[in-house]
């Protein structure tokens, strides 16, 4: 069966219409699933302690399980959630996988974030968390985790910066061209319960005609730093030993915290209340207007030479902050908070740095380069020229057609089709009305229809 794609009908002249502001792209909303088909996209991983159905209740509902549309994924624990395991994988569609792949490959700093909503059903416990991985289980990203932090029976949002978690890994598909998101759980519940996942989406914090700016809030070059204050452990100045010393990421110094206790301990506090650049953002912008503002710091975890570490966590605790990064012992990592997720209007802007782990002895945690990033801070960049969305490639499989076409950043497109070129374009079928740009080139996948020939047209949305 042949698909005819005449290029004369696949070109559309467009006016420049730059889009400012952040843009969310839905990767999976569970709206097209039901309890009979959910296992086509949700599969058990290394545990058999869960069952899966599609919850239908609309939004809002009794405990906020559905955060967008009318459905959410319900994960039912067959026994009380007690102990850690890798529980299930959400396998994204080919189209959503291509969107995530493009973002993963991007070299633009601090641009792309994975968001999702999760509701922890209460079950008699005091704590629970949800580690999440991106990519094939054999080659996945760091397993950063979202904490319930007392937010039982209410939707909380996980926000993971792709820059911070990929650790140089390629994004390896799980099945064909479909990418997996791996969900694990840990907790101390005493009763059976459920969790609900909804609204898995990708955030692009960039805007046409703008570039990021960075403001260093603390580089720890002054040994009398006021911004990082000790709690359980002393905060010490550290000076770079040589050019290869990775405990310092900028200039010559960083802060060192010597961890001497393996239980849950508040090591120190980052106090941002006296930082004018930070306060200006928090005081003048509502959370929904600051998704392009990011607070970041670099850290490195180095145990003493005779210390064996089974696991280690650096937990950043603050009002609205849910993410705990994987320890990454010995690796350089960046911890980033999207300020659109933090409610610091009525609570002091402080971060408690908490550690815990499986080790005996001493571990050094190095902190450096605390900075505020505005991914739209420099608007002096000229807007990019308009790009005509010409198709650049097409291929057909037994049940699908894959189209590639040129695109602009931060734009969306409509793809139309017809089997009769004699029809006016106003009568063509809109196969997809909101295909978001994946960068300079975008890939879109359609189901293969029974017609002998099908014609496609792409045009940019206003």
Protein backbone atom coordinates (compact mmCIF):
# COMPACT_ATOMS: atom_id res chain seq x y z
CA UNK A 1 0.00 0.00 0.00
CA UNK A 2 1.61 3.24 -1.10
CA UNK A 3 1.36 6.65 0.51
CA UNK A 4 1.73 9.51 -1.95
CA UNK A 5 3.30 12.65 -0.49
CA UNK A 6 3.55 15.28 -3.25
CA UNK A 7 5.87 18.03 -2.03
CA UNK A 8 3.90 20.71 -3.87
CA UNK A 9 1.11 20.19 -1.39
CA UNK A 10 3.30 20.01 1.70
CA UNK A 11 4.68 23.55 1.75
CA UNK A 12 3.00 26.45 3.48
CA UNK A 13 4.12 30.09 3.55
CA UNK A 14 4.08 31.49 7.08
CA UNK A 15 4.38 34.83 8.82
CA UNK A 16 6.75 35.25 11.74
CA UNK A 17 4.79 34.83 14.96
CA UNK A 18 7.23 34.32 17.84
CA UNK A 19 5.80 32.76 20.96
CA UNK A 20 6.87 34.09 24.33
CA UNK A 21 6.36 32.29 27.62
CA UNK A 22 6.78 28.71 28.70
CA UNK A 23 5.12 25.86 26.88
CA UNK A 24 3.92 22.52 28.21
CA UNK A 25 3.58 19.53 25.87
CA UNK A 26 1.46 16.62 27.05
CA UNK A 27 3.29 13.30 26.81
CA UNK A 28 0.66 11.10 28.47
CA UNK A 29 -2.69 12.08 29.99
CA UNK A 30 -4.20 8.54 30.06
CA UNK A 31 -7.29 9.96 28.34
CA UNK A 32 -7.06 7.48 25.45
CA UNK A 33 -6.77 4.42 27.72
CA UNK A 34 -9.26 2.33 29.63
CA UNK A 35 -8.79 -0.52 32.09
CA UNK A 36 -8.85 -3.03 29.22
CA UNK A 37 -6.06 -1.35 27.24
CA UNK A 38 -3.93 0.12 30.04
CA UNK A 39 -1.53 -2.84 29.98
CA UNK A 40 -0.54 -1.91 26.41
CA UNK A 41 1.29 1.12 27.86
CA UNK A 42 1.80 0.30 31.56
CA UNK A 43 3.83 -2.81 32.39
CA UNK A 44 5.22 -4.28 35.60
CA UNK A 45 8.94 -3.84 36.10
CA UNK A 46 10.82 -5.68 38.85
CA UNK A 47 7.89 -6.10 41.22
CA UNK A 48 4.52 -7.86 41.16
CA UNK A 49 2.94 -5.98 44.06
CA UNK A 50 0.68 -3.72 41.95
CA UNK A 51 -2.37 -3.83 39.66
CA UNK A 52 -3.36 -1.11 37.20
CA UNK A 53 -6.67 0.40 36.13
CA UNK A 54 -7.70 3.69 34.57
CA UNK A 55 -9.46 5.87 37.11
CA UNK A 56 -12.37 7.87 35.69
CA UNK A 57 -13.58 10.69 37.83
CA UNK A 58 -13.02 14.00 36.13
CA UNK A 59 -11.27 16.95 37.69
CA UNK A 60 -11.66 17.95 40.45
CA UNK A 61 -12.57 14.77 42.33
CA UNK A 62 -12.41 13.32 45.83
CA UNK A 63 -8.64 13.45 46.46
CA UNK A 64 -7.43 15.16 43.28
CA UNK A 65 -6.43 12.00 41.40
CA UNK A 66 -7.26 13.57 38.01
CA UNK A 67 -5.40 16.81 37.37
CA UNK A 68 -6.23 17.16 33.67
CA UNK A 69 -9.19 15.81 31.71
CA UNK A 70 -11.26 12.92 33.02
CA UNK A 71 -8.84 10.06 33.62
CA UNK A 72 -5.69 9.11 35.50
CA UNK A 73 -3.62 5.96 35.97
CA UNK A 74 -4.53 4.19 39.23
CA UNK A 75 -1.90 1.89 40.71
CA UNK A 76 -3.32 -0.42 43.36
CA UNK A 77 -0.89 -1.91 45.90
CA UNK A 78 -1.89 -5.50 46.69
CA UNK A 79 -0.21 -5.29 50.10
CA UNK A 80 0.71 -2.29 52.25
CA UNK A 81 3.47 -0.25 50.59
CA UNK A 82 6.42 -1.11 52.80
CA UNK A 83 9.87 -1.22 51.31
CA UNK A 84 11.51 -0.16 48.08
CA UNK A 85 11.03 -1.63 44.62
CA UNK A 86 10.97 -0.73 40.94
CA UNK A 87 7.27 -1.17 40.29
CA UNK A 88 6.13 -0.29 36.77
CA UNK A 89 6.97 1.38 33.47
CA UNK A 90 4.85 3.87 31.53
CA UNK A 91 5.68 3.33 27.86
CA UNK A 92 5.16 6.56 25.91
CA UNK A 93 3.65 6.64 22.45
CA UNK A 94 6.02 6.94 19.47
CA UNK A 95 5.02 10.59 19.02
CA UNK A 96 5.55 11.48 22.69
CA UNK A 97 8.80 9.49 22.67
CA UNK A 98 10.09 11.51 19.71
CA UNK A 99 9.26 14.74 21.55
CA UNK A 100 11.09 13.60 24.68
CA UNK A 101 14.05 12.33 22.62
CA UNK A 102 14.46 15.73 20.97
CA UNK A 103 14.46 17.47 24.36
CA UNK A 104 16.90 14.93 25.80
CA UNK A 105 19.35 15.56 22.97
CA UNK A 106 19.13 19.35 23.31
CA UNK A 107 22.28 21.22 24.27
CA UNK A 108 20.32 24.23 25.59
CA UNK A 109 21.10 24.59 29.33
CA UNK A 110 18.24 24.35 31.85
CA UNK A 111 15.65 24.36 29.08
CA UNK A 112 13.67 21.13 29.40
CA UNK A 113 11.77 19.74 32.40
CA UNK A 114 9.66 16.63 32.91
CA UNK A 115 6.56 17.31 35.03
CA UNK A 116 3.99 14.85 36.32
CA UNK A 117 1.28 14.83 38.98
CA UNK A 118 1.10 12.09 41.58
CA UNK A 119 -1.37 11.48 44.40
CA UNK A 120 -0.26 9.27 47.30
CA UNK A 121 -3.26 7.59 48.91
CA UNK A 122 -2.91 7.48 52.68
CA UNK A 123 -2.40 4.05 54.18
CA UNK A 124 -1.48 4.51 57.80
CA UNK A 125 2.13 5.48 57.16
CA UNK A 126 4.36 8.42 57.96
CA UNK A 127 6.32 8.71 54.71
CA UNK A 128 6.55 7.54 51.11
CA UNK A 129 8.40 8.48 47.96
CA UNK A 130 8.49 7.76 44.26
CA UNK A 131 11.85 7.31 42.49
CA UNK A 132 11.57 7.86 38.73
CA UNK A 133 13.92 6.95 35.88
CA UNK A 134 13.86 7.93 32.20
CA UNK A 135 14.88 5.53 29.44
CA UNK A 136 15.50 1.83 29.06
CA UNK A 137 15.83 0.12 32.47
CA UNK A 138 19.29 -1.12 31.47
CA UNK A 139 20.53 2.40 30.62
CA UNK A 140 18.34 4.83 32.54
CA UNK A 141 18.94 8.25 34.07
CA UNK A 142 19.55 8.88 37.75
CA UNK A 143 16.67 7.63 39.92
CA UNK A 144 15.64 10.93 41.45
CA UNK A 145 12.56 10.75 43.64
CA UNK A 146 9.49 12.75 44.60
CA UNK A 147 8.64 12.89 48.31
CA UNK A 148 5.11 12.87 49.70
CA UNK A 149 6.25 15.32 52.44
CA UNK A 150 2.95 14.92 54.28
CA UNK A 151 0.89 15.57 51.17
CA UNK A 152 -1.33 12.50 51.45
CA UNK A 153 -4.55 12.33 49.40
CA UNK A 154 -3.68 15.36 47.31
CA UNK A 155 -1.96 15.77 43.99
CA UNK A 156 1.67 16.85 44.20
CA UNK A 157 3.86 17.73 41.24
CA UNK A 158 7.20 16.21 40.40
CA UNK A 159 9.50 18.42 38.32
CA UNK A 160 12.78 17.02 36.99
CA UNK A 161 15.26 19.03 34.95
CA UNK A 162 16.63 16.88 32.13
CA UNK A 163 20.03 18.60 32.37
CA UNK A 164 20.36 17.46 35.97
CA UNK A 165 19.39 13.82 35.63
CA UNK A 166 20.64 12.44 32.33
CA UNK A 167 24.28 12.03 33.48
CA UNK A 168 25.53 11.79 29.91
CA UNK A 169 23.30 8.80 29.13
CA UNK A 170 21.73 8.23 25.77
CA UNK A 171 17.96 7.89 25.85
CA UNK A 172 17.59 4.25 24.82
CA UNK A 173 14.06 3.18 23.76
CA UNK A 174 12.37 0.40 25.66
CA UNK A 175 10.34 -1.09 22.81
CA UNK A 176 10.92 -0.12 19.19
CA UNK A 177 10.75 3.66 19.18
CA UNK A 178 8.85 3.95 22.48
CA UNK A 179 10.57 5.38 25.56
CA UNK A 180 9.90 4.17 29.10
CA UNK A 181 9.43 6.15 32.29
CA UNK A 182 10.21 3.91 35.27
CA UNK A 183 8.32 4.35 38.55
CA UNK A 184 9.44 2.89 41.85
CA UNK A 185 8.00 3.34 45.34
CA UNK A 186 9.12 3.20 48.93
CA UNK A 187 7.27 3.84 52.18
CA UNK A 188 6.20 2.57 55.57
CA UNK A 189 2.43 2.19 55.11
CA UNK A 190 0.47 -0.26 57.23
CA UNK A 191 -2.70 -0.46 55.08
CA UNK A 192 -3.29 -1.17 51.40
CA UNK A 193 -3.63 1.93 49.29
CA UNK A 194 -3.42 3.30 45.77
CA UNK A 195 -1.45 5.99 44.03
CA UNK A 196 -2.57 7.93 40.95
CA UNK A 197 -0.37 9.34 38.18
CA UNK A 198 -1.61 11.93 35.70
CA UNK A 199 -0.60 14.67 33.32
CA UNK A 200 2.94 13.61 32.34
CA UNK A 201 4.20 16.61 30.41
CA UNK A 202 7.31 18.30 29.08
CA UNK A 203 8.09 21.95 29.85
CA UNK A 204 10.10 24.14 27.50
CA UNK A 205 11.24 27.15 29.53
CA UNK A 206 12.77 28.98 26.55
CA UNK A 207 11.08 31.64 24.41
CA UNK A 208 11.75 32.87 20.90
CA UNK A 209 14.04 35.89 20.84
CA UNK A 210 15.40 35.32 24.35
CA UNK A 211 18.43 33.63 25.87
CA UNK A 212 19.27 32.56 29.44
CA UNK A 213 21.06 34.73 31.97
CA UNK A 214 22.71 33.56 35.20
CA UNK A 215 23.19 35.48 38.43
CA UNK A 216 25.61 33.92 40.92
CA UNK A 217 24.06 34.27 44.37
CA UNK A 218 26.99 32.62 46.14
CA UNK A 219 30.24 31.27 44.75
CA UNK A 220 31.80 30.64 48.19
CA UNK A 221 34.90 32.62 47.25
CA UNK A 222 34.53 34.60 50.49
CA UNK A 223 35.16 32.33 53.47
CA UNK A 224 32.69 34.38 55.54
CA UNK A 225 29.71 33.39 53.42
CA UNK A 226 26.38 34.16 55.08
CA UNK A 227 24.15 32.18 52.74
CA UNK A 228 25.07 28.63 53.86
CA UNK A 229 24.85 28.33 57.65
CA UNK A 230 25.76 25.23 59.68
CA UNK A 231 23.27 23.08 61.56
CA UNK A 232 24.39 19.60 62.68
CA UNK A 233 27.76 19.83 60.93
CA UNK A 234 30.29 22.58 60.41
CA UNK A 235 30.48 24.33 57.05
CA UNK A 236 34.12 24.72 56.03
CA UNK A 237 35.78 26.65 53.20
CA UNK A 238 37.49 24.52 50.58
CA UNK A 239 40.16 25.64 48.10
CA UNK A 240 40.82 23.95 44.78
CA UNK A 241 43.87 21.68 44.95
CA UNK A 242 44.69 21.82 41.22
CA UNK A 243 43.08 22.33 37.84
CA UNK A 244 41.55 18.84 37.86
CA UNK A 245 39.87 19.22 41.27
CA UNK A 246 36.17 18.56 40.65
CA UNK A 247 35.07 19.63 44.13
CA UNK A 248 35.07 23.22 42.79
CA UNK A 249 33.00 24.07 39.73
CA UNK A 250 33.67 27.82 39.44
CA UNK A 251 36.80 29.84 40.28
CA UNK A 252 38.88 28.62 43.24
CA UNK A 253 36.66 27.75 46.21
CA UNK A 254 33.57 25.88 47.35
CA UNK A 255 31.92 24.96 50.66
CA UNK A 256 32.61 21.60 52.35
CA UNK A 257 30.30 19.86 54.80
CA UNK A 258 31.75 16.83 56.59
CA UNK A 259 28.95 14.29 57.19
CA UNK A 260 29.63 12.16 60.28
CA UNK A 261 26.20 10.61 60.85
CA UNK A 262 24.26 8.25 58.59
CA UNK A 263 20.75 8.95 59.92
CA UNK A 264 18.37 11.67 58.76
CA UNK A 265 20.23 14.88 59.68
CA UNK A 266 19.85 18.54 58.76
CA UNK A 267 23.43 19.39 57.91
CA UNK A 268 23.03 23.07 57.08
CA UNK A 269 20.62 25.71 55.79
CA UNK A 270 20.67 27.86 52.66
CA UNK A 271 19.11 31.20 53.59
CA UNK A 272 17.99 33.16 50.53
CA UNK A 273 16.09 35.88 52.38
CA UNK A 274 18.96 38.38 52.09
CA UNK A 275 19.61 37.78 48.40
CA UNK A 276 18.22 40.76 46.50
CA UNK A 277 18.15 39.15 43.01
CA UNK A 278 16.32 36.11 44.38
CA UNK A 279 13.91 38.14 46.49
CA UNK A 280 13.04 40.34 43.52
CA UNK A 281 11.72 37.28 41.65
CA UNK A 282 9.84 35.78 44.58
CA UNK A 283 8.30 39.09 45.66
CA UNK A 284 7.21 40.33 42.25
CA UNK A 285 6.08 37.19 40.40
CA UNK A 286 3.43 34.61 41.20
CA UNK A 287 4.49 30.95 40.92
CA UNK A 288 2.64 30.50 37.62
CA UNK A 289 4.70 33.38 36.15
CA UNK A 290 8.12 32.08 37.11
CA UNK A 291 8.52 28.70 35.42
CA UNK A 292 11.49 30.18 33.55
CA UNK A 293 13.31 30.98 36.82
CA UNK A 294 15.55 28.22 38.16
CA UNK A 295 17.58 27.99 41.36
CA UNK A 296 20.59 25.70 40.94
CA UNK A 297 23.67 24.60 42.79
CA UNK A 298 26.41 22.07 42.02
CA UNK A 299 27.37 19.36 44.48
CA UNK A 300 29.81 16.50 44.76
CA UNK A 301 29.70 13.64 47.30
CA UNK A 302 33.09 12.17 48.23
CA UNK A 303 33.46 9.50 50.96
CA UNK A 304 36.73 9.04 52.83
CA UNK A 305 38.97 6.44 51.19
CA UNK A 306 38.13 3.72 53.73
CA UNK A 307 34.34 4.29 53.69
CA UNK A 308 31.96 2.01 51.80
CA UNK A 309 28.68 3.66 50.80
CA UNK A 310 25.67 1.44 50.10
CA UNK A 311 23.42 4.42 49.44
CA UNK A 312 23.37 8.13 50.16
CA UNK A 313 20.88 10.96 49.71
CA UNK A 314 21.14 14.73 49.79
CA UNK A 315 17.59 15.93 50.45
CA UNK A 316 16.67 19.57 49.87
CA UNK A 317 13.70 20.43 52.04
CA UNK A 318 11.60 23.58 51.59
CA UNK A 319 8.00 24.64 51.20
CA UNK A 320 6.72 23.03 47.99
CA UNK A 321 10.00 21.31 47.08
CA UNK A 322 9.36 17.61 46.43
CA UNK A 323 12.42 16.35 44.57
CA UNK A 324 15.27 14.39 46.15
CA UNK A 325 18.17 13.76 43.75
CA UNK A 326 19.92 10.42 43.66
CA UNK A 327 23.16 10.58 45.58
CA UNK A 328 25.51 10.09 42.67
CA UNK A 329 28.44 9.28 44.96
CA UNK A 330 31.66 10.42 43.30
CA UNK A 331 29.88 12.15 40.41
CA UNK A 332 29.35 15.83 39.75
CA UNK A 333 25.67 16.70 39.91
CA UNK A 334 23.50 19.79 39.72
CA UNK A 335 20.39 20.26 41.81
CA UNK A 336 17.78 22.52 40.24
CA UNK A 337 14.49 23.88 41.54
CA UNK A 338 11.98 25.33 39.11
CA UNK A 339 10.62 28.34 40.96
CA UNK A 340 7.22 27.87 39.36
CA UNK A 341 6.77 24.89 41.70
CA UNK A 342 7.70 26.61 44.97
CA UNK A 343 5.34 28.66 47.13
CA UNK A 344 7.69 31.09 48.83
CA UNK A 345 5.28 34.01 49.11
CA UNK A 346 4.23 33.33 52.71
CA UNK A 347 7.08 31.14 53.93
CA UNK A 348 10.78 32.03 54.36
CA UNK A 349 12.89 31.22 51.30
CA UNK A 350 15.21 28.72 52.97
CA UNK A 351 16.52 25.30 51.99
CA UNK A 352 17.37 22.69 54.60
CA UNK A 353 20.11 20.39 53.32
CA UNK A 354 19.43 16.95 54.82
CA UNK A 355 21.52 13.82 54.44
CA UNK A 356 21.03 10.15 55.19
CA UNK A 357 22.59 6.95 53.92
CA UNK A 358 24.02 3.51 54.40
CA UNK A 359 27.63 4.07 55.44
CA UNK A 360 29.94 4.12 58.45
CA UNK A 361 32.54 6.85 58.68
CA UNK A 362 32.83 10.28 57.07
CA UNK A 363 31.55 11.69 53.78
CA UNK A 364 32.32 15.14 52.39
CA UNK A 365 29.59 17.06 50.55
CA UNK A 366 30.90 19.95 48.44
CA UNK A 367 28.49 22.76 47.47
CA UNK A 368 29.31 25.38 44.85
CA UNK A 369 27.94 27.89 42.39
CA UNK A 370 24.52 28.71 43.84
CA UNK A 371 22.86 30.67 41.06
CA UNK A 372 19.59 32.07 39.76
CA UNK A 373 18.88 31.34 36.10
CA UNK A 374 16.34 33.18 33.99
CA UNK A 375 15.98 31.19 30.78
CA UNK A 376 14.38 34.24 29.14
CA UNK A 377 16.58 36.87 30.75
CA UNK A 378 18.35 38.22 27.65
CA UNK A 379 15.86 39.57 25.12
CA UNK A 380 18.46 41.30 22.98
CA UNK A 381 18.70 38.26 20.71
CA UNK A 382 16.93 38.88 17.40
CA UNK A 383 13.99 36.61 16.67
CA UNK A 384 14.90 33.67 14.44
CA UNK A 385 13.80 33.83 10.82
CA UNK A 386 10.58 32.15 9.86
CA UNK A 387 10.97 28.53 8.84
CA UNK A 388 8.73 27.10 6.16
CA UNK A 389 7.54 23.74 7.50
CA UNK A 390 8.63 21.69 4.51
CA UNK A 391 8.42 17.94 4.84
CA UNK A 392 11.91 16.48 4.80
CA UNK A 393 11.14 12.79 5.11
CA UNK A 394 8.40 10.18 5.09
CA UNK A 395 8.36 6.47 5.76
CA UNK A 396 5.65 3.85 6.12
CA UNK A 397 5.50 0.72 8.27
CA UNK A 398 2.79 -1.91 8.36
CA UNK A 399 0.63 0.11 10.75
CA UNK A 400 2.10 3.62 10.83
CA UNK A 401 3.41 6.52 8.77
CA UNK A 402 6.27 8.71 10.05
CA UNK A 403 6.64 12.27 8.72
CA UNK A 404 9.50 14.71 9.39
CA UNK A 405 9.36 18.44 8.67
CA UNK A 406 11.29 21.64 9.37
CA UNK A 407 10.06 23.65 12.35
CA UNK A 408 10.77 26.65 14.56
CA UNK A 409 11.42 26.44 18.28
CA UNK A 410 8.43 27.10 20.54
CA UNK A 411 5.88 26.74 17.74
CA UNK A 412 2.99 24.37 17.17
CA UNK A 413 1.63 22.91 13.94
CA UNK A 414 -1.47 21.37 12.45
CA UNK A 415 -1.22 18.36 10.14
CA UNK A 416 -4.00 17.88 7.62
CA UNK A 417 -4.71 14.95 5.32
CA UNK A 418 -6.96 13.99 2.46
CA UNK A 419 -7.42 11.15 0.01
CA UNK A 420 -8.78 13.50 -2.68
CA UNK A 421 -6.60 16.36 -3.89
CA UNK A 422 -9.66 17.92 -5.50
CA UNK A 423 -11.04 18.88 -2.11
CA UNK A 424 -10.49 22.43 -0.84
CA UNK A 425 -8.05 22.57 2.06
CA UNK A 426 -10.89 23.72 4.32
CA UNK A 427 -12.36 20.22 3.90
CA UNK A 428 -9.17 18.31 4.68
CA UNK A 429 -9.09 16.30 7.91
CA UNK A 430 -7.08 17.67 10.83
CA UNK A 431 -5.09 14.62 11.94
CA UNK A 432 -3.33 16.59 14.69
CA UNK A 433 -4.02 20.19 15.66
CA UNK A 434 -1.30 20.84 18.23
CA UNK A 435 1.97 19.18 17.23
CA UNK A 436 4.63 20.99 19.26
CA UNK A 437 8.01 21.74 17.77
CA UNK A 438 10.87 19.45 18.76
CA UNK A 439 13.45 21.99 17.62
CA UNK A 440 14.62 22.62 14.06
CA UNK A 441 13.06 19.36 12.90
CA UNK A 442 9.96 17.58 14.15
CA UNK A 443 8.80 13.99 13.69
CA UNK A 444 5.14 12.99 13.78
CA UNK A 445 3.65 9.48 13.61
CA UNK A 446 0.22 8.67 12.18
CA UNK A 447 -1.65 5.40 12.10
CA UNK A 448 -1.70 3.86 8.65
CA UNK A 449 -5.15 4.03 7.09
CA UNK A 450 -6.56 1.56 4.53
CA UNK A 451 -6.65 4.05 1.63
CA UNK A 452 -4.35 3.47 -1.31
CA UNK A 453 -3.03 7.03 -1.20
CA UNK A 454 -3.09 9.75 1.37
CA UNK A 455 -1.89 13.34 1.05
CA UNK A 456 -0.56 15.43 3.94
CA UNK A 457 -0.10 19.15 4.54
CA UNK A 458 1.51 20.87 7.53
CA UNK A 459 0.99 24.46 8.58
CA UNK A 460 2.10 26.54 11.54
CA UNK A 461 -0.53 27.56 14.07
CA UNK A 462 -0.95 31.30 14.71
